[in-house]
Amino acid sequence: MRVFIALPISGALKNTIKQWRKTYKDLPVRWLEDKNLHITLVPPWEENDLPRIEAALRKHPSQIGPQTLEFTETSFGPDSKGPRLIWATGQAPYELSQLRSSIEKILKRPITKKPLLQHLTLARFRPHDFPSFPNIDLSKHIHWTDVVDSFALMESKLLPEGAEYTIIQSFRI
């Protein structure tokens, strides 16, 4: 099973995104369904022992408490020269990097050295389709906030029409 650790987003932020998407509804992209919107904390891996993972995460101490996330920009990403998605980004609170490291240790996953890139994927597209996009600048300043008080163990199913994500279990932070 392909699993990962994510921060689910609130219904209020999903509504904000839904309104924002209306501005760009004619773009030839595959918008993520609201239920698939999340912030990846620990990237996906193949897991055969789900009970061990769940038991380890249940033992994770709630140390940091709720965190306010701020998203300040929407843009094409992850590389402006060969983009393949639309995302919202913002500065990750230091505590989320600590949470990621703590979870990686508990799960005996490789410790990520790179700083946490707080991003929320909004849409995907094929890079070779990008040159046919209308001349549009998505680098817009936004002010979206959300308060997260939990992280989730999620399953990722890769389907022909795009990835489908399911929350297996949530845990307080």
N, C-alpha and C. Protein backbone atom coordinates (compact mmCIF):
# COMPACT_ATOMS: atom_id res chain seq x y z
N MET A 1 0.85 -1.18 0.00
CA MET A 1 0.00 0.00 0.00
C MET A 1 0.89 1.24 0.00
N ARG A 2 0.53 2.20 -0.81
CA ARG A 2 1.27 3.47 -0.88
C ARG A 2 0.66 4.43 0.12
N VAL A 3 1.46 4.86 1.12
CA VAL A 3 0.96 5.74 2.17
C VAL A 3 1.86 6.96 2.33
N PHE A 4 1.34 7.96 3.02
CA PHE A 4 2.11 9.16 3.33
C PHE A 4 1.46 9.86 4.51
N ILE A 5 2.15 10.86 5.04
CA ILE A 5 1.63 11.65 6.16
C ILE A 5 1.30 13.05 5.62
N ALA A 6 0.10 13.52 5.94
CA ALA A 6 -0.34 14.81 5.41
C ALA A 6 -1.08 15.61 6.47
N LEU A 7 -1.25 16.88 6.17
CA LEU A 7 -2.07 17.78 6.97
C LEU A 7 -3.35 18.02 6.18
N PRO A 8 -4.48 17.50 6.65
CA PRO A 8 -5.75 17.80 5.97
C PRO A 8 -6.07 19.28 6.13
N ILE A 9 -6.79 19.84 5.18
CA ILE A 9 -7.18 21.25 5.29
C ILE A 9 -8.66 21.34 5.63
N SER A 10 -9.04 22.47 6.14
CA SER A 10 -10.41 22.67 6.62
C SER A 10 -11.40 22.90 5.47
N GLY A 11 -12.67 22.74 5.80
CA GLY A 11 -13.73 23.03 4.85
C GLY A 11 -13.74 24.50 4.45
N ALA A 12 -13.40 25.38 5.38
CA ALA A 12 -13.37 26.81 5.06
C ALA A 12 -12.31 27.11 3.99
N LEU A 13 -11.12 26.53 4.12
CA LEU A 13 -10.09 26.76 3.12
C LEU A 13 -10.49 26.11 1.79
N LYS A 14 -11.13 24.97 1.84
CA LYS A 14 -11.61 24.33 0.60
C LYS A 14 -12.60 25.24 -0.11
N ASN A 15 -13.46 25.92 0.64
CA ASN A 15 -14.41 26.86 0.04
C ASN A 15 -13.69 28.06 -0.58
N THR A 16 -12.67 28.55 0.09
CA THR A 16 -11.87 29.66 -0.45
C THR A 16 -11.24 29.25 -1.78
N ILE A 17 -10.69 28.04 -1.81
CA ILE A 17 -10.05 27.54 -3.04
C ILE A 17 -11.09 27.36 -4.14
N LYS A 18 -12.26 26.87 -3.78
CA LYS A 18 -13.33 26.67 -4.77
C LYS A 18 -13.67 28.00 -5.44
N GLN A 19 -13.77 29.07 -4.66
CA GLN A 19 -14.06 30.39 -5.22
C GLN A 19 -12.92 30.88 -6.10
N TRP A 20 -11.68 30.68 -5.66
CA TRP A 20 -10.50 31.10 -6.42
C TRP A 20 -10.45 30.38 -7.77
N ARG A 21 -10.75 29.07 -7.77
CA ARG A 21 -10.70 28.27 -9.01
C ARG A 21 -11.64 28.80 -10.09
N LYS A 22 -12.75 29.40 -9.69
CA LYS A 22 -13.71 29.92 -10.67
C LYS A 22 -13.06 30.93 -11.62
N THR A 23 -12.08 31.66 -11.11
CA THR A 23 -11.37 32.64 -11.93
C THR A 23 -10.58 31.98 -13.05
N TYR A 24 -10.17 30.74 -12.83
CA TYR A 24 -9.30 30.03 -13.78
C TYR A 24 -9.96 28.78 -14.34
N LYS A 25 -11.27 28.75 -14.36
CA LYS A 25 -12.00 27.53 -14.75
C LYS A 25 -11.74 27.09 -16.19
N ASP A 26 -11.28 28.00 -17.04
CA ASP A 26 -11.05 27.64 -18.44
C ASP A 26 -9.65 27.09 -18.72
N LEU A 27 -8.82 27.04 -17.70
CA LEU A 27 -7.47 26.48 -17.91
C LEU A 27 -7.57 24.98 -18.19
N PRO A 28 -6.76 24.46 -19.10
CA PRO A 28 -6.79 23.03 -19.42
C PRO A 28 -6.00 22.20 -18.39
N VAL A 29 -6.53 22.16 -17.18
CA VAL A 29 -5.87 21.45 -16.07
C VAL A 29 -6.86 20.49 -15.42
N ARG A 30 -6.35 19.59 -14.63
CA ARG A 30 -7.17 18.67 -13.85
C ARG A 30 -7.14 19.18 -12.40
N TRP A 31 -8.21 19.85 -12.00
CA TRP A 31 -8.30 20.39 -10.65
C TRP A 31 -8.44 19.24 -9.66
N LEU A 32 -7.74 19.33 -8.54
CA LEU A 32 -7.90 18.31 -7.51
C LEU A 32 -9.27 18.46 -6.87
N GLU A 33 -9.90 17.34 -6.61
CA GLU A 33 -11.18 17.37 -5.92
C GLU A 33 -10.93 17.88 -4.49
N ASP A 34 -11.93 18.52 -3.91
CA ASP A 34 -11.79 19.06 -2.57
C ASP A 34 -11.30 18.01 -1.57
N LYS A 35 -11.82 16.78 -1.68
CA LYS A 35 -11.45 15.73 -0.72
C LYS A 35 -9.99 15.32 -0.85
N ASN A 36 -9.34 15.67 -1.96
CA ASN A 36 -7.94 15.30 -2.17
C ASN A 36 -6.96 16.42 -1.80
N LEU A 37 -7.46 17.57 -1.37
CA LEU A 37 -6.58 18.68 -1.01
C LEU A 37 -5.93 18.40 0.34
N HIS A 38 -4.61 18.54 0.40
CA HIS A 38 -3.86 18.29 1.62
C HIS A 38 -2.47 18.89 1.47
N ILE A 39 -1.74 18.92 2.56
CA ILE A 39 -0.34 19.36 2.55
C ILE A 39 0.49 18.15 2.95
N THR A 40 1.39 17.73 2.07
CA THR A 40 2.21 16.56 2.36
C THR A 40 3.28 16.92 3.39
N LEU A 41 3.35 16.12 4.44
CA LEU A 41 4.36 16.31 5.48
C LEU A 41 5.50 15.31 5.29
N VAL A 42 5.18 14.03 5.12
CA VAL A 42 6.16 12.98 4.84
C VAL A 42 5.75 12.34 3.52
N PRO A 43 6.63 12.37 2.52
CA PRO A 43 6.26 11.88 1.18
C PRO A 43 5.88 10.40 1.15
N PRO A 44 5.19 9.98 0.09
CA PRO A 44 4.71 8.60 -0.01
C PRO A 44 5.82 7.55 -0.03
N TRP A 45 5.45 6.40 0.52
CA TRP A 45 6.31 5.21 0.48
C TRP A 45 5.41 3.98 0.44
N GLU A 46 5.98 2.87 0.03
CA GLU A 46 5.25 1.60 0.01
C GLU A 46 5.33 0.99 1.40
N GLU A 47 4.19 0.58 1.93
CA GLU A 47 4.13 0.03 3.30
C GLU A 47 3.34 -1.26 3.31
N ASN A 48 3.92 -2.30 3.94
CA ASN A 48 3.25 -3.59 4.05
C ASN A 48 2.74 -3.87 5.46
N ASP A 49 3.18 -3.06 6.43
CA ASP A 49 2.81 -3.31 7.83
C ASP A 49 2.06 -2.10 8.39
N LEU A 50 0.83 -1.92 7.94
CA LEU A 50 0.03 -0.77 8.36
C LEU A 50 -0.23 -0.76 9.87
N PRO A 51 -0.53 -1.89 10.51
CA PRO A 51 -0.74 -1.87 11.96
C PRO A 51 0.48 -1.31 12.73
N ARG A 52 1.69 -1.63 12.28
CA ARG A 52 2.90 -1.10 12.94
C ARG A 52 2.95 0.41 12.80
N ILE A 53 2.64 0.92 11.62
CA ILE A 53 2.68 2.37 11.37
C ILE A 53 1.64 3.07 12.25
N GLU A 54 0.42 2.54 12.26
CA GLU A 54 -0.64 3.15 13.06
C GLU A 54 -0.29 3.13 14.54
N ALA A 55 0.25 2.03 15.03
CA ALA A 55 0.63 1.93 16.44
C ALA A 55 1.73 2.94 16.78
N ALA A 56 2.71 3.09 15.90
CA ALA A 56 3.79 4.05 16.14
C ALA A 56 3.24 5.48 16.17
N LEU A 57 2.34 5.80 15.26
CA LEU A 57 1.78 7.16 15.22
C LEU A 57 0.88 7.44 16.42
N ARG A 58 0.20 6.42 16.92
CA ARG A 58 -0.63 6.62 18.13
C ARG A 58 0.24 6.99 19.33
N LYS A 59 1.48 6.53 19.34
CA LYS A 59 2.41 6.84 20.44
C LYS A 59 3.05 8.21 20.29
N HIS A 60 2.85 8.84 19.13
CA HIS A 60 3.47 10.15 18.90
C HIS A 60 2.91 11.16 19.89
N PRO A 61 3.78 11.81 20.65
CA PRO A 61 3.28 12.80 21.61
C PRO A 61 2.77 14.05 20.92
N SER A 62 1.64 14.57 21.38
CA SER A 62 1.12 15.84 20.86
C SER A 62 1.91 16.95 21.51
N GLN A 63 2.88 17.47 20.79
CA GLN A 63 3.81 18.43 21.39
C GLN A 63 3.61 19.86 20.93
N ILE A 64 3.14 20.05 19.71
CA ILE A 64 3.18 21.42 19.19
C ILE A 64 1.85 22.14 19.25
N GLY A 65 0.77 21.44 19.29
CA GLY A 65 -0.54 22.08 19.31
C GLY A 65 -0.93 22.62 17.95
N PRO A 66 -2.14 23.18 17.86
CA PRO A 66 -2.63 23.68 16.57
C PRO A 66 -1.67 24.71 15.96
N GLN A 67 -1.58 24.68 14.64
CA GLN A 67 -0.70 25.59 13.90
C GLN A 67 -1.51 26.37 12.88
N THR A 68 -1.20 27.65 12.76
CA THR A 68 -1.82 28.48 11.74
C THR A 68 -0.93 28.47 10.51
N LEU A 69 -1.51 28.04 9.40
CA LEU A 69 -0.79 28.02 8.14
C LEU A 69 -1.22 29.22 7.31
N GLU A 70 -0.27 29.86 6.67
CA GLU A 70 -0.56 30.99 5.80
C GLU A 70 -0.04 30.67 4.40
N PHE A 71 -0.90 30.86 3.42
CA PHE A 71 -0.52 30.71 2.02
C PHE A 71 -0.51 32.10 1.43
N THR A 72 0.60 32.47 0.80
CA THR A 72 0.78 33.85 0.35
C THR A 72 0.85 34.02 -1.17
N GLU A 73 0.97 32.90 -1.91
CA GLU A 73 1.11 33.03 -3.36
C GLU A 73 0.56 31.79 -4.07
N THR A 74 -0.04 32.02 -5.23
CA THR A 74 -0.38 30.93 -6.14
C THR A 74 0.53 31.06 -7.34
N SER A 75 0.93 29.91 -7.90
CA SER A 75 1.84 29.94 -9.05
C SER A 75 1.85 28.58 -9.72
N PHE A 76 2.53 28.54 -10.89
CA PHE A 76 2.80 27.28 -11.54
C PHE A 76 4.02 26.68 -10.85
N GLY A 77 4.04 25.37 -10.71
CA GLY A 77 5.16 24.75 -10.03
C GLY A 77 5.40 23.35 -10.53
N PRO A 78 6.31 22.63 -9.99
CA PRO A 78 7.28 23.10 -9.00
C PRO A 78 8.44 23.86 -9.62
N ASP A 79 8.54 23.82 -10.95
CA ASP A 79 9.63 24.49 -11.66
C ASP A 79 9.00 25.42 -12.69
N SER A 80 9.32 26.69 -12.65
CA SER A 80 8.70 27.65 -13.56
C SER A 80 9.08 27.41 -15.03
N LYS A 81 10.18 26.71 -15.28
CA LYS A 81 10.59 26.44 -16.66
C LYS A 81 9.85 25.24 -17.25
N GLY A 82 9.44 24.31 -16.41
CA GLY A 82 8.72 23.13 -16.88
C GLY A 82 7.62 22.76 -15.91
N PRO A 83 6.66 23.65 -15.72
CA PRO A 83 5.64 23.41 -14.69
C PRO A 83 4.72 22.24 -15.05
N ARG A 84 4.15 21.64 -14.00
CA ARG A 84 3.20 20.55 -14.18
C ARG A 84 2.05 20.63 -13.19
N LEU A 85 2.03 21.71 -12.40
CA LEU A 85 0.93 21.87 -11.46
C LEU A 85 0.72 23.33 -11.11
N ILE A 86 -0.42 23.58 -10.51
CA ILE A 86 -0.72 24.89 -9.92
C ILE A 86 -0.78 24.64 -8.43
N TRP A 87 -0.11 25.51 -7.67
CA TRP A 87 -0.10 25.32 -6.23
C TRP A 87 -0.18 26.64 -5.49
N ALA A 88 -0.49 26.54 -4.22
CA ALA A 88 -0.44 27.68 -3.30
C ALA A 88 0.71 27.40 -2.34
N THR A 89 1.50 28.42 -2.07
CA THR A 89 2.66 28.24 -1.20
C THR A 89 2.67 29.27 -0.09
N GLY A 90 3.43 28.97 0.93
CA GLY A 90 3.60 29.88 2.05
C GLY A 90 4.74 29.39 2.92
N GLN A 91 5.16 30.22 3.85
CA GLN A 91 6.24 29.88 4.77
C GLN A 91 5.73 28.90 5.82
N ALA A 92 6.37 27.74 5.91
CA ALA A 92 5.96 26.73 6.89
C ALA A 92 6.42 27.14 8.29
N PRO A 93 5.53 27.01 9.29
CA PRO A 93 5.97 27.25 10.66
C PRO A 93 7.08 26.26 11.04
N TYR A 94 8.02 26.74 11.82
CA TYR A 94 9.15 25.91 12.26
C TYR A 94 8.66 24.62 12.93
N GLU A 95 7.57 24.73 13.68
CA GLU A 95 7.04 23.57 14.41
C GLU A 95 6.64 22.43 13.47
N LEU A 96 6.21 22.75 12.25
CA LEU A 96 5.85 21.69 11.31
C LEU A 96 7.07 20.92 10.84
N SER A 97 8.21 21.60 10.69
CA SER A 97 9.45 20.89 10.35
C SER A 97 9.83 19.96 11.49
N GLN A 98 9.64 20.42 12.71
CA GLN A 98 9.93 19.58 13.88
C GLN A 98 8.99 18.38 13.92
N LEU A 99 7.72 18.61 13.60
CA LEU A 99 6.75 17.52 13.58
C LEU A 99 7.14 16.50 12.52
N ARG A 100 7.51 16.97 11.34
CA ARG A 100 7.93 16.05 10.26
C ARG A 100 9.11 15.19 10.72
N SER A 101 10.12 15.82 11.31
CA SER A 101 11.30 15.07 11.78
C SER A 101 10.92 14.05 12.84
N SER A 102 10.08 14.45 13.75
CA SER A 102 9.63 13.56 14.82
C SER A 102 8.90 12.34 14.25
N ILE A 103 8.01 12.58 13.29
CA ILE A 103 7.26 11.48 12.68
C ILE A 103 8.21 10.56 11.90
N GLU A 104 9.15 11.15 11.17
CA GLU A 104 10.11 10.33 10.42
C GLU A 104 10.90 9.43 11.36
N LYS A 105 11.32 9.96 12.51
CA LYS A 105 12.06 9.15 13.49
C LYS A 105 11.20 8.01 14.03
N ILE A 106 9.99 8.33 14.42
CA ILE A 106 9.09 7.31 14.97
C ILE A 106 8.83 6.20 13.96
N LEU A 107 8.68 6.57 12.70
CA LEU A 107 8.38 5.59 11.64
C LEU A 107 9.64 4.95 11.06
N LYS A 108 10.82 5.40 11.56
CA LYS A 108 12.09 4.89 11.05
C LYS A 108 12.23 5.14 9.54
N ARG A 109 11.79 6.32 9.12
CA ARG A 109 11.91 6.77 7.74
C ARG A 109 13.19 7.62 7.63
N PRO A 110 13.75 7.75 6.44
CA PRO A 110 14.91 8.63 6.28
C PRO A 110 14.53 10.06 6.70
N ILE A 111 15.42 10.71 7.43
CA ILE A 111 15.17 12.08 7.88
C ILE A 111 15.40 13.03 6.71
N THR A 112 14.39 13.85 6.41
CA THR A 112 14.48 14.81 5.31
C THR A 112 15.37 15.97 5.72
N LYS A 113 16.35 16.25 4.90
CA LYS A 113 17.30 17.34 5.19
C LYS A 113 16.79 18.69 4.66
N LYS A 114 16.02 18.64 3.57
CA LYS A 114 15.54 19.88 2.95
C LYS A 114 14.51 20.55 3.85
N PRO A 115 14.47 21.88 3.83
CA PRO A 115 13.42 22.59 4.59
C PRO A 115 12.04 22.19 4.07
N LEU A 116 11.07 22.23 4.94
CA LEU A 116 9.71 21.89 4.57
C LEU A 116 9.16 22.96 3.64
N LEU A 117 8.71 22.54 2.47
CA LEU A 117 8.08 23.45 1.52
C LEU A 117 6.57 23.32 1.72
N GLN A 118 5.98 24.33 2.33
CA GLN A 118 4.54 24.31 2.56
C GLN A 118 3.85 24.64 1.26
N HIS A 119 3.22 23.63 0.67
CA HIS A 119 2.52 23.85 -0.59
C HIS A 119 1.27 23.00 -0.64
N LEU A 120 0.32 23.51 -1.35
CA LEU A 120 -0.98 22.88 -1.51
C LEU A 120 -1.22 22.77 -3.01
N THR A 121 -1.16 21.55 -3.54
CA THR A 121 -1.38 21.35 -4.98
C THR A 121 -2.86 21.55 -5.28
N LEU A 122 -3.15 22.42 -6.23
CA LEU A 122 -4.52 22.75 -6.60
C LEU A 122 -4.94 22.08 -7.90
N ALA A 123 -3.99 21.91 -8.82
CA ALA A 123 -4.30 21.32 -10.14
C ALA A 123 -3.03 20.69 -10.71
N ARG A 124 -3.25 19.74 -11.61
CA ARG A 124 -2.15 19.08 -12.32
C ARG A 124 -2.41 19.17 -13.83
N PHE A 125 -1.31 19.11 -14.58
CA PHE A 125 -1.41 19.09 -16.04
C PHE A 125 -0.13 18.49 -16.59
N ARG A 126 -0.16 18.11 -17.84
CA ARG A 126 1.02 17.56 -18.50
C ARG A 126 1.94 18.73 -18.87
N PRO A 127 3.23 18.60 -18.57
CA PRO A 127 4.16 19.70 -18.91
C PRO A 127 4.13 20.07 -20.39
N HIS A 128 3.93 19.09 -21.27
CA HIS A 128 3.94 19.43 -22.70
C HIS A 128 2.68 20.21 -23.11
N ASP A 129 1.66 20.27 -22.25
CA ASP A 129 0.47 21.06 -22.54
C ASP A 129 0.65 22.53 -22.17
N PHE A 130 1.64 22.83 -21.34
CA PHE A 130 1.80 24.18 -20.82
C PHE A 130 1.96 25.25 -21.90
N PRO A 131 2.74 25.00 -22.96
CA PRO A 131 2.87 26.05 -23.99
C PRO A 131 1.54 26.46 -24.64
N SER A 132 0.54 25.60 -24.57
CA SER A 132 -0.76 25.93 -25.18
C SER A 132 -1.67 26.71 -24.24
N PHE A 133 -1.24 26.94 -22.99
CA PHE A 133 -2.06 27.69 -22.04
C PHE A 133 -2.22 29.13 -22.51
N PRO A 134 -3.35 29.74 -22.17
CA PRO A 134 -3.48 31.18 -22.45
C PRO A 134 -2.40 31.94 -21.67
N ASN A 135 -2.01 33.08 -22.19
CA ASN A 135 -0.99 33.87 -21.52
C ASN A 135 -1.54 34.37 -20.19
N ILE A 136 -1.15 33.70 -19.13
CA ILE A 136 -1.71 34.00 -17.81
C ILE A 136 -0.60 33.99 -16.78
N ASP A 137 -0.65 34.93 -15.88
CA ASP A 137 0.32 34.97 -14.79
C ASP A 137 -0.40 34.55 -13.52
N LEU A 138 -0.03 33.39 -13.03
CA LEU A 138 -0.66 32.88 -11.81
C LEU A 138 0.06 33.33 -10.55
N SER A 139 1.18 34.01 -10.71
CA SER A 139 1.95 34.43 -9.54
C SER A 139 1.19 35.57 -8.85
N LYS A 140 0.18 35.18 -8.12
CA LYS A 140 -0.68 36.15 -7.45
C LYS A 140 -0.48 36.05 -5.94
N HIS A 141 -0.46 37.21 -5.31
CA HIS A 141 -0.39 37.22 -3.86
C HIS A 141 -1.78 36.95 -3.31
N ILE A 142 -1.84 36.05 -2.36
CA ILE A 142 -3.10 35.68 -1.72
C ILE A 142 -2.91 35.77 -0.21
N HIS A 143 -3.99 35.69 0.50
CA HIS A 143 -3.91 35.60 1.96
C HIS A 143 -4.92 34.56 2.42
N TRP A 144 -4.49 33.30 2.32
CA TRP A 144 -5.32 32.19 2.78
C TRP A 144 -4.72 31.68 4.07
N THR A 145 -5.55 31.47 5.07
CA THR A 145 -5.06 30.90 6.32
C THR A 145 -5.89 29.68 6.69
N ASP A 146 -5.29 28.82 7.47
CA ASP A 146 -5.97 27.64 7.95
C ASP A 146 -5.30 27.24 9.26
N VAL A 147 -6.07 26.69 10.16
CA VAL A 147 -5.52 26.17 11.42
C VAL A 147 -5.60 24.66 11.35
N VAL A 148 -4.44 24.02 11.52
CA VAL A 148 -4.41 22.56 11.53
C VAL A 148 -4.14 22.09 12.95
N ASP A 149 -4.90 21.09 13.37
CA ASP A 149 -4.69 20.54 14.71
C ASP A 149 -4.47 19.03 14.67
N SER A 150 -4.27 18.51 13.45
CA SER A 150 -4.03 17.08 13.31
C SER A 150 -3.24 16.80 12.04
N PHE A 151 -2.64 15.62 12.02
CA PHE A 151 -2.03 15.12 10.79
C PHE A 151 -2.69 13.78 10.51
N ALA A 152 -2.53 13.28 9.30
CA ALA A 152 -3.21 12.05 8.92
C ALA A 152 -2.28 11.09 8.20
N LEU A 153 -2.49 9.82 8.47
CA LEU A 153 -1.90 8.76 7.68
C LEU A 153 -2.86 8.57 6.51
N MET A 154 -2.34 8.72 5.30
CA MET A 154 -3.20 8.67 4.12
C MET A 154 -2.72 7.62 3.14
N GLU A 155 -3.67 7.09 2.38
CA GLU A 155 -3.34 6.17 1.31
C GLU A 155 -3.42 6.94 0.00
N SER A 156 -2.51 6.62 -0.91
CA SER A 156 -2.50 7.21 -2.24
C SER A 156 -2.69 6.10 -3.25
N LYS A 157 -3.77 6.18 -4.01
CA LYS A 157 -4.01 5.23 -5.10
C LYS A 157 -3.80 5.99 -6.40
N LEU A 158 -2.87 5.48 -7.22
CA LEU A 158 -2.59 6.11 -8.49
C LEU A 158 -3.51 5.52 -9.54
N LEU A 159 -4.40 6.34 -10.05
CA LEU A 159 -5.39 5.93 -11.05
C LEU A 159 -5.12 6.65 -12.37
N PRO A 160 -5.62 6.12 -13.48
CA PRO A 160 -5.39 6.79 -14.77
C PRO A 160 -5.88 8.24 -14.80
N GLU A 161 -6.97 8.53 -14.09
CA GLU A 161 -7.49 9.90 -14.08
C GLU A 161 -6.87 10.78 -13.01
N GLY A 162 -5.91 10.25 -12.26
CA GLY A 162 -5.22 11.02 -11.23
C GLY A 162 -5.23 10.30 -9.90
N ALA A 163 -4.43 10.78 -8.98
CA ALA A 163 -4.32 10.15 -7.67
C ALA A 163 -5.59 10.36 -6.86
N GLU A 164 -5.91 9.36 -6.08
CA GLU A 164 -7.05 9.41 -5.16
C GLU A 164 -6.47 9.21 -3.76
N TYR A 165 -6.83 10.08 -2.84
CA TYR A 165 -6.28 10.04 -1.48
C TYR A 165 -7.38 9.71 -0.49
N THR A 166 -7.04 8.85 0.48
CA THR A 166 -7.98 8.47 1.52
C THR A 166 -7.31 8.57 2.88
N ILE A 167 -7.98 9.20 3.82
CA ILE A 167 -7.45 9.25 5.18
C ILE A 167 -7.68 7.90 5.84
N ILE A 168 -6.60 7.31 6.32
CA ILE A 168 -6.68 6.03 7.03
C ILE A 168 -6.96 6.29 8.50
N GLN A 169 -6.19 7.23 9.08
CA GLN A 169 -6.39 7.59 10.48
C GLN A 169 -5.79 8.98 10.75
N SER A 170 -6.43 9.73 11.63
CA SER A 170 -5.94 11.07 12.00
C SER A 170 -5.37 11.04 13.40
N PHE A 171 -4.43 11.98 13.66
CA PHE A 171 -3.74 12.07 14.94
C PHE A 171 -3.62 13.53 15.33
N ARG A 172 -3.82 13.86 16.58
CA ARG A 172 -3.68 15.24 17.08
C ARG A 172 -2.22 15.66 17.09
N ILE A 173 -1.98 16.96 16.85
CA ILE A 173 -0.61 17.48 16.93
C ILE A 173 -0.45 18.31 18.19
